[in-house]
Protein backbone atom coordinates (compact mmCIF):
# COMPACT_ATOMS: atom_id res chain seq x y z
CA MET A 1 -11.52 141.22 158.97
CA SER A 2 -10.93 143.94 162.14
CA THR A 3 -9.30 142.71 165.10
CA HIS A 4 -10.49 143.70 168.41
CA ILE A 5 -9.73 142.91 171.72
CA ASN A 6 -12.42 142.31 174.13
CA LYS A 7 -12.81 145.08 176.76
CA GLY A 8 -13.59 142.51 179.23
CA ASN A 9 -11.58 140.04 181.19
CA PRO A 10 -9.69 137.46 178.77
CA ASP A 11 -9.12 134.94 181.34
CA GLN A 12 -11.52 135.78 184.09
CA ASP A 13 -8.54 136.67 186.37
CA ARG A 14 -6.80 139.95 184.92
CA VAL A 15 -7.89 142.87 182.28
CA PRO A 16 -6.30 143.70 179.31
CA VAL A 17 -3.40 146.27 179.15
CA ALA A 18 -3.46 148.66 176.28
CA VAL A 19 0.33 150.58 176.43
CA ILE A 20 0.57 153.58 174.09
CA VAL A 21 4.29 154.47 173.36
CA GLY A 22 4.18 158.54 172.71
CA ALA A 23 2.28 161.22 174.57
CA GLY A 24 1.53 163.39 171.45
CA MET A 25 -1.87 164.62 170.10
CA ALA A 26 -2.33 161.06 168.21
CA GLY A 27 -1.36 159.17 171.98
CA GLN A 28 -3.71 161.28 174.28
CA GLU A 29 -6.35 161.00 171.71
CA LEU A 30 -6.24 157.01 171.61
CA ALA A 31 -6.29 156.81 175.49
CA PHE A 32 -9.22 158.99 176.35
CA SER A 33 -11.33 157.34 173.01
CA LEU A 34 -10.67 154.32 174.47
CA ARG A 35 -11.95 155.14 177.87
CA GLN A 36 -15.36 156.84 175.93
CA TYR A 37 -15.69 154.02 173.83
CA GLY A 38 -15.87 151.63 176.76
CA TRP A 39 -12.55 150.10 177.25
CA ALA A 40 -12.53 148.55 180.59
CA GLY A 41 -9.05 147.25 181.06
CA ARG A 42 -5.83 149.45 182.00
CA ILE A 43 -4.70 152.14 180.12
CA VAL A 44 -0.70 153.27 179.93
CA LEU A 45 0.35 156.41 178.33
CA LEU A 46 4.25 156.96 177.85
CA GLY A 47 5.92 159.76 177.02
CA GLU A 48 9.52 161.25 176.73
CA GLU A 49 8.93 164.70 177.68
CA ALA A 50 8.54 166.04 181.29
CA HIS A 51 5.14 167.93 180.23
CA LEU A 52 2.13 167.33 179.83
CA PRO A 53 0.87 166.33 176.35
CA TYR A 54 0.69 169.58 174.98
CA ARG A 55 -0.86 171.26 171.32
CA ARG A 56 2.73 170.87 169.50
CA PRO A 57 1.80 172.81 166.28
CA GLU A 58 1.37 176.01 168.87
CA LEU A 59 5.49 175.85 169.29
CA SER A 60 5.84 177.17 165.98
CA LYS A 61 2.55 179.50 165.66
CA SER A 62 2.32 181.12 168.96
CA LEU A 63 4.90 179.95 171.62
CA LEU A 64 7.83 181.93 169.84
CA ALA A 65 5.40 185.18 169.65
CA ALA A 66 5.04 185.41 173.64
CA HIS A 67 6.45 183.38 176.51
CA THR A 68 3.77 180.75 177.53
CA ASP A 69 4.23 177.81 180.20
CA ALA A 70 3.53 174.30 178.96
CA ASP A 71 0.53 174.05 181.42
CA ALA A 72 -0.88 176.66 179.12
CA LEU A 73 -0.39 174.59 175.80
CA SER A 74 -1.79 171.31 177.66
CA LEU A 75 -4.38 169.33 175.64
CA ARG A 76 -5.89 168.51 179.00
CA PRO A 77 -5.00 169.07 182.59
CA GLY A 78 -3.21 166.42 184.62
CA ALA A 79 -6.38 165.41 186.65
CA ALA A 80 -8.23 164.63 183.70
CA TYR A 81 -6.04 161.41 183.04
CA ASP A 82 -6.50 160.30 186.70
CA SER A 83 -10.52 160.81 186.33
CA ALA A 84 -10.31 158.51 183.26
CA GLY A 85 -8.15 155.98 184.86
CA ILE A 86 -5.33 156.67 182.66
CA ALA A 87 -1.72 155.83 183.75
CA LEU A 88 0.31 158.72 182.33
CA ARG A 89 3.77 158.30 182.90
CA LEU A 90 6.30 160.94 181.75
CA ASN A 91 10.18 161.00 181.43
CA THR A 92 9.84 157.20 180.18
CA ARG A 93 11.60 156.19 177.22
CA VAL A 94 10.91 152.61 175.73
CA ALA A 95 14.14 150.76 174.90
CA SER A 96 13.12 148.04 173.43
CA ILE A 97 9.75 145.61 172.51
CA ASP A 98 9.69 141.90 172.98
CA ARG A 99 6.97 140.73 171.02
CA GLN A 100 7.12 137.26 171.39
CA ARG A 101 6.63 137.87 175.37
CA ARG A 102 4.70 141.14 174.63
CA THR A 103 6.60 143.05 176.87
CA LEU A 104 8.48 146.19 177.10
CA ARG A 105 11.47 147.19 178.60
CA LEU A 106 11.74 150.59 179.55
CA SER A 107 14.98 152.63 179.57
CA GLU A 108 15.68 152.43 183.54
CA GLY A 109 15.38 148.59 183.52
CA ALA A 110 11.71 147.87 184.58
CA GLU A 111 9.47 145.96 181.93
CA LEU A 112 5.68 146.33 181.33
CA GLY A 113 3.61 143.98 179.73
CA TYR A 114 0.79 144.47 177.03
CA ASP A 115 -2.17 142.86 175.31
CA VAL A 116 -2.46 145.50 172.42
CA LEU A 117 0.76 148.27 171.96
CA VAL A 118 0.14 151.20 170.17
CA LEU A 119 2.94 153.18 168.92
CA ALA A 120 2.50 156.94 168.52
CA THR A 121 6.28 157.77 168.34
CA GLY A 122 5.54 160.79 165.87
CA GLY A 123 9.22 161.97 164.24
CA ARG A 124 12.23 164.21 164.99
CA ALA A 125 13.65 167.00 163.26
CA ARG A 126 16.01 166.07 160.35
CA ARG A 127 19.44 167.38 161.29
CA LEU A 128 21.24 169.70 158.83
CA PRO A 129 24.04 167.34 156.85
CA LEU A 130 26.79 169.88 158.09
CA GLU A 131 30.05 169.50 160.28
CA VAL A 132 28.87 172.11 163.14
CA PRO A 133 31.95 173.72 164.81
CA ALA A 134 32.49 174.29 168.25
CA GLY A 135 30.97 176.95 169.63
CA VAL A 136 28.03 177.06 166.76
CA ALA A 137 24.61 176.23 167.97
CA ILE A 138 21.92 175.14 165.62
CA HIS A 139 18.23 175.05 167.20
CA TYR A 140 15.66 172.70 165.89
CA LEU A 141 11.98 173.01 166.62
CA ARG A 142 10.44 169.82 167.75
CA GLY A 143 9.44 169.87 171.70
CA PHE A 144 8.31 172.39 173.98
CA ASP A 145 11.81 172.64 175.49
CA ASP A 146 13.02 173.79 172.17
CA ALA A 147 10.58 176.22 171.36
CA ALA A 148 11.35 177.75 174.94
CA LEU A 149 14.99 178.08 174.49
CA LEU A 150 14.87 179.78 170.90
CA HIS A 151 12.06 182.54 172.15
CA LYS A 152 14.65 183.35 174.83
CA GLN A 153 16.67 184.35 171.64
CA PHE A 154 14.30 186.36 169.89
CA VAL A 155 16.07 190.01 170.52
CA PRO A 156 14.90 192.32 168.35
CA GLY A 157 17.93 193.56 165.86
CA LYS A 158 19.42 189.92 166.25
CA ARG A 159 19.84 188.22 162.50
CA LEU A 160 17.82 184.83 162.31
CA LEU A 161 19.30 182.46 159.64
CA MET A 162 16.40 179.61 158.82
CA VAL A 163 17.56 177.03 156.79
CA GLY A 164 14.23 175.63 155.17
CA GLY A 165 11.50 177.09 153.63
CA GLY A 166 8.64 174.69 154.35
CA TYR A 167 5.90 175.12 156.52
CA VAL A 168 7.72 175.32 160.03
CA GLY A 169 10.58 177.18 158.55
CA LEU A 170 8.33 179.74 157.28
CA GLU A 171 6.18 179.92 160.54
CA VAL A 172 9.17 180.47 162.54
CA ALA A 173 10.89 183.19 160.00
CA ALA A 174 7.18 184.90 160.21
CA LEU A 175 7.25 185.36 164.01
CA ALA A 176 11.01 186.09 164.27
CA ALA A 177 10.59 189.24 161.46
CA ALA A 178 7.52 189.95 163.23
CA ALA A 179 9.57 190.19 166.71
CA GLY A 180 11.98 192.48 164.94
CA LEU A 181 14.58 190.42 163.95
CA ARG A 182 16.25 190.33 160.79
CA VAL A 183 15.76 187.31 158.97
CA VAL A 184 17.16 185.32 155.95
CA VAL A 185 15.52 182.02 154.83
CA ALA A 186 17.76 179.67 153.07
CA GLU A 187 15.55 177.06 150.69
CA ALA A 188 17.48 174.32 148.53
CA MET A 189 14.49 173.87 146.34
CA PRO A 190 13.96 177.15 143.79
CA ARG A 191 10.64 177.81 145.40
CA LEU A 192 8.83 177.87 149.03
CA LEU A 193 7.12 175.05 149.88
CA ALA A 194 7.91 172.91 146.74
CA ARG A 195 7.36 169.62 147.95
CA VAL A 196 3.86 170.05 149.63
CA ALA A 197 2.37 173.20 147.88
CA SER A 198 1.58 174.48 144.27
CA PRO A 199 3.35 177.09 142.43
CA GLU A 200 0.59 179.35 142.76
CA LEU A 201 0.50 179.16 146.34
CA SER A 202 4.13 179.40 146.33
CA ALA A 203 4.37 182.42 144.83
CA PHE A 204 1.65 184.07 146.86
CA VAL A 205 3.66 183.10 149.85
CA GLU A 206 6.91 184.54 148.68
CA ARG A 207 5.72 187.61 147.88
CA ALA A 208 4.22 188.05 151.21
CA HIS A 209 7.25 187.19 153.25
CA ARG A 210 9.27 189.59 151.07
CA GLN A 211 6.99 192.18 151.60
CA ALA A 212 7.25 191.60 155.30
CA GLY A 213 10.99 192.36 155.27
CA ILE A 214 12.36 188.50 155.17
CA GLU A 215 15.18 188.03 152.39
CA LEU A 216 14.78 184.63 150.80
CA ARG A 217 17.66 182.89 149.16
CA LEU A 218 15.97 180.21 146.84
CA GLY A 219 17.89 177.33 145.15
CA ALA A 220 20.52 178.02 148.26
CA THR A 221 21.69 175.37 150.47
CA VAL A 222 24.13 176.06 153.64
CA ALA A 223 27.99 174.70 152.08
CA ALA A 224 29.45 175.23 155.21
CA LEU A 225 29.44 176.99 158.85
CA ALA A 226 32.27 178.71 160.87
CA ARG A 227 32.12 180.50 164.25
CA HIS A 228 32.67 184.42 163.49
CA GLY A 229 33.22 186.10 166.56
CA GLY A 230 30.30 184.93 168.63
CA ARG A 231 27.94 184.48 166.19
CA CYS A 232 27.89 182.05 163.14
CA GLU A 233 29.16 182.53 159.73
CA ALA A 234 27.04 180.65 156.96
CA ARG A 235 28.12 179.87 153.43
CA LEU A 236 25.75 179.55 150.96
CA SER A 237 25.65 177.39 147.88
CA ASP A 238 24.79 180.15 145.69
CA GLY A 239 28.01 182.07 146.95
CA ALA A 240 26.40 184.56 149.65
CA THR A 241 27.67 184.52 153.02
CA VAL A 242 25.22 185.09 156.31
CA VAL A 243 26.43 186.09 159.71
CA ALA A 244 23.62 185.24 161.90
CA ASP A 245 23.24 185.51 165.57
CA ILE A 246 20.47 182.82 165.67
CA VAL A 247 20.50 179.61 163.24
CA VAL A 248 17.39 177.44 163.08
CA GLY A 249 17.26 174.15 160.95
CA GLY A 250 13.93 173.61 159.45
CA ILE A 251 14.36 170.83 156.79
CA GLY A 252 11.83 168.59 157.72
CA MET A 253 10.67 165.61 160.04
CA THR A 254 12.10 161.86 160.54
CA PRO A 255 9.45 159.58 161.38
CA GLU A 256 10.46 157.89 164.63
CA VAL A 257 10.73 154.40 163.80
CA ALA A 258 13.94 153.15 165.51
CA LEU A 259 11.62 151.00 168.31
CA ALA A 260 9.88 149.59 165.66
CA GLU A 261 12.58 148.93 163.23
CA ALA A 262 14.74 147.07 166.29
CA ALA A 263 11.53 144.78 167.07
CA GLY A 264 11.44 143.78 163.42
CA LEU A 265 7.88 145.46 162.51
CA ALA A 266 7.87 146.34 158.44
CA ILE A 267 8.97 149.89 157.55
CA ALA A 268 8.20 151.76 154.82
CA ASN A 269 8.17 156.05 154.73
CA GLY A 270 7.46 155.30 158.50
CA ILE A 271 6.20 152.52 160.17
CA ALA A 272 4.18 150.52 157.68
CA VAL A 273 0.25 149.74 158.59
CA ASP A 274 -2.83 148.75 157.03
CA ALA A 275 -5.82 150.87 156.64
CA LEU A 276 -6.74 150.01 160.04
CA SER A 277 -3.46 150.98 161.65
CA ARG A 278 -2.36 147.53 161.83
CA THR A 279 1.36 147.25 161.53
CA SER A 280 3.08 143.34 160.68
CA ASP A 281 2.52 142.45 164.08
CA ALA A 282 -1.27 141.84 164.79
CA ALA A 283 -0.77 143.10 168.64
CA ILE A 284 0.74 146.22 167.62
CA TYR A 285 -0.44 149.28 166.19
CA ALA A 286 0.68 152.87 164.81
CA ILE A 287 -0.83 156.13 164.54
CA GLY A 288 0.07 159.72 163.52
CA ASP A 289 3.63 161.09 162.26
CA CYS A 290 5.34 158.18 162.48
CA CYS A 291 3.34 155.72 160.43
CA ASP A 292 3.19 155.20 156.33
CA ARG A 293 -0.56 154.09 156.15
CA PHE A 294 -2.94 153.14 153.49
CA HIS A 295 -5.63 156.07 153.34
CA ASP A 296 -9.13 154.80 152.13
CA PHE A 297 -10.29 158.00 150.95
CA LEU A 298 -7.11 158.99 149.01
CA SER A 299 -6.72 154.91 147.67
CA ARG A 300 -3.14 155.05 148.09
CA ARG A 301 -0.45 154.52 150.83
CA ILE A 302 1.10 158.27 152.52
CA ARG A 303 2.23 159.63 155.93
CA LEU A 304 0.41 162.35 157.01
CA GLU A 305 2.06 165.05 159.16
CA SER A 306 -1.11 166.59 160.91
CA VAL A 307 -3.27 167.01 163.76
CA PRO A 308 -6.35 166.13 162.26
CA ASN A 309 -4.87 163.10 160.73
CA ALA A 310 -3.65 161.88 164.18
CA SER A 311 -6.59 162.56 165.88
CA GLU A 312 -8.55 160.50 163.24
CA GLN A 313 -5.98 157.59 163.32
CA ALA A 314 -6.42 157.67 167.10
CA ARG A 315 -10.43 157.56 166.96
CA ARG A 316 -10.44 154.47 164.39
CA VAL A 317 -8.21 152.38 166.27
CA ALA A 318 -10.33 152.88 169.58
CA ALA A 319 -13.06 151.94 167.88
CA GLN A 320 -11.50 148.85 166.57
CA LEU A 321 -10.12 147.85 169.98
CA THR A 322 -13.52 148.34 171.26
CA GLY A 323 -15.45 146.28 168.56
CA ARG A 324 -17.39 149.54 167.79
CA PRO A 325 -17.59 150.12 163.69
CA VAL A 326 -14.93 152.10 162.47
CA PRO A 327 -15.47 155.34 160.93
CA ALA A 328 -14.63 156.22 157.34
CA SER A 329 -11.14 158.39 156.83
CA GLY A 330 -11.99 161.79 156.10
CA VAL A 331 -10.26 164.12 153.71
CA PRO A 332 -6.49 164.99 154.95
CA TRP A 333 -6.94 168.76 155.91
CA PHE A 334 -3.90 170.82 156.89
CA TRP A 335 -3.08 174.60 158.26
CA SER A 336 -0.14 177.07 158.63
CA ASN A 337 0.04 180.70 160.00
CA GLN A 338 2.75 182.56 158.44
CA GLY A 339 2.20 186.14 159.37
CA GLU A 340 -0.94 188.02 158.01
CA GLN A 341 -1.12 184.24 155.88
CA LYS A 342 -3.92 181.91 157.24
CA ILE A 343 -3.29 179.15 154.95
CA GLN A 344 -5.93 176.08 154.84
CA ILE A 345 -5.28 172.83 152.70
CA VAL A 346 -7.69 170.24 152.17
CA GLY A 347 -6.83 167.19 150.04
CA VAL A 348 -3.21 166.58 148.89
CA PHE A 349 -1.63 168.66 146.05
CA GLU A 350 -0.10 166.32 143.43
CA ALA A 351 1.63 167.14 140.21
CA GLY A 352 -0.74 166.49 136.96
CA LEU A 353 -4.05 167.84 138.29
CA ARG A 354 -5.57 170.62 136.81
CA THR A 355 -5.46 173.89 138.53
CA VAL A 356 -8.04 176.46 138.79
CA SER A 357 -7.04 179.96 140.88
CA ARG A 358 -10.00 181.84 142.30
CA PRO A 359 -8.90 185.59 143.34
CA GLY A 360 -10.06 186.57 146.87
CA GLN A 361 -12.54 189.13 147.14
CA SER A 362 -9.97 191.25 149.05
CA GLU A 363 -6.27 191.96 149.12
CA GLY A 364 -4.52 188.81 150.59
CA GLN A 365 -6.86 186.36 149.73
CA LEU A 366 -6.45 183.58 147.50
CA SER A 367 -8.00 180.09 146.63
CA VAL A 368 -6.34 177.59 144.39
CA PHE A 369 -8.01 174.14 143.29
CA HIS A 370 -6.67 171.29 141.75
CA LEU A 371 -9.14 168.86 139.90
CA ALA A 372 -9.01 165.53 138.01
CA GLY A 373 -11.91 165.80 135.48
CA ASP A 374 -14.64 167.81 137.17
CA ARG A 375 -14.03 167.03 140.66
CA ILE A 376 -11.86 168.75 143.08
CA ARG A 377 -9.01 166.60 144.73
CA ALA A 378 -6.98 169.52 146.63
CA ALA A 379 -7.59 172.89 147.68
CA GLU A 380 -5.19 175.69 149.20
CA CYS A 381 -6.87 178.66 150.59
CA VAL A 382 -5.32 181.88 152.22
CA ASN A 383 -7.18 184.08 154.32
CA SER A 384 -10.73 182.48 152.71
CA PRO A 385 -12.08 180.02 155.44
CA ALA A 386 -15.34 179.88 153.69
CA ASP A 387 -13.72 178.70 150.54
CA PHE A 388 -11.65 176.10 152.50
CA ALA A 389 -14.81 174.76 154.28
CA GLN A 390 -17.07 174.53 151.07
CA ALA A 391 -14.07 172.63 149.48
CA ARG A 392 -13.80 170.14 152.09
CA ARG A 393 -17.80 169.27 151.53
CA LEU A 394 -16.87 169.47 147.99
CA ILE A 395 -14.16 167.14 147.77
CA SER A 396 -15.91 164.66 150.27
CA SER A 397 -19.21 164.56 148.33
CA GLN A 398 -16.99 164.30 144.96
CA THR A 399 -19.29 166.55 143.46
CA SER A 400 -18.97 167.73 139.62
CA VAL A 401 -17.67 171.35 139.72
CA PRO A 402 -17.46 173.55 136.62
CA ASP A 403 -14.43 175.59 135.99
CA HIS A 404 -15.91 178.72 135.29
CA GLN A 405 -17.92 178.64 138.85
CA LEU A 406 -14.81 177.63 140.90
CA ALA A 407 -12.92 180.66 138.86
CA ASP A 408 -15.52 183.34 139.29
CA ALA A 409 -14.90 185.12 143.21
CA ALA A 410 -18.44 186.42 142.84
CA PHE A 411 -19.97 182.90 142.74
CA PRO A 412 -20.81 181.62 146.08
CA LEU A 413 -19.38 177.82 146.17
CA SER A 414 -21.91 177.37 148.39
CA ALA A 415 -24.35 177.18 145.73
CA ILE A 416 -22.34 174.49 143.52
CA GLN A 417 -23.44 171.86 146.13
CA ALA A 418 -27.04 173.25 146.28
CA LEU A 419 -26.99 172.83 142.26
CA ALA A 420 -25.70 169.62 141.99
CA ALA A 421 -28.27 168.39 144.72
CA CYS A 422 -31.34 169.58 142.38
CA THR A 423 -29.91 167.82 139.25
């Protein structure tokens, strides 16, 4: 049975208070969805950064390519929060949660009460497990200020060492190479994107980055760092030595669970929540990158790091809190821009699925489908937006798909659903 807090006065004397900790995509989407769905109480949105909530994915997709101020990336202008009656408090960190009193203690010592609390705390960049000598700076990309600082270092001819060959690391590497930097990527696994993508997509991406002039050191970790004049000398586990002007750590994200853990909430691979984003405390929810949720479409627990997931969870919680029907979870999807490669992924790739590759009708295109039986469970598309759109429909509808039609680039995927509807 879903829990919802009445949007009217609970005791005729005061309105309920919804406090959202985290002013990223999930947090701001929830704040506006609550108001749109009829929440008549107070809404307080707390953010640690000084900037209005902004499009975080653009940090590694466009901000590094050109100077952009924070306002240009804002999801909404400041006036929109005032118009919606949302109390946006920036530069505000929550020190602790008192669950019994339903009160937050803020870092400056003030207290803030809540009737419902939503944690949208996101995550933090995982630090390299290395001793960093004095005079050596490691850049990490998580907030606007991180990206703005790194952008200033993008000077043609400089050498950049990217530690980590995941999506964000490869986006940074591609932008740096396009800006005229000499780029080396050191990836611990034997292939790029090994934890999140199929071997077919990894191989395609590897070829593209090598053709762009990026040096890839696969199966190599950074064993030690030393200062080399005004530069950094990195000794890799494969015996190579890289002297770089800029070192960027991109080995993943750690969900921000410290606040929840200190409050005694259940923790798994993130803040543990059920299919409706409820934590182990009935008055507290968690959404976005920070939570480990039961995903009803996938029928299993998972922590998803994506804008679509954050927005979907926010709208589902808003519906629940205002007594509306909660929409079903959709198929997860993601995207990554790496130079000329526009990668779109729907579903979640898992080992053990059967793979059917569909060559592109032009160079630089690829679609890889992963099936259980005759149904697609995931698809990875490069520069193939039509295939991606059709794959989303086929996965959502669980349409039976013949392999030979998937593999035939001349056969329109839109026809598969049409044929299925006629049978």
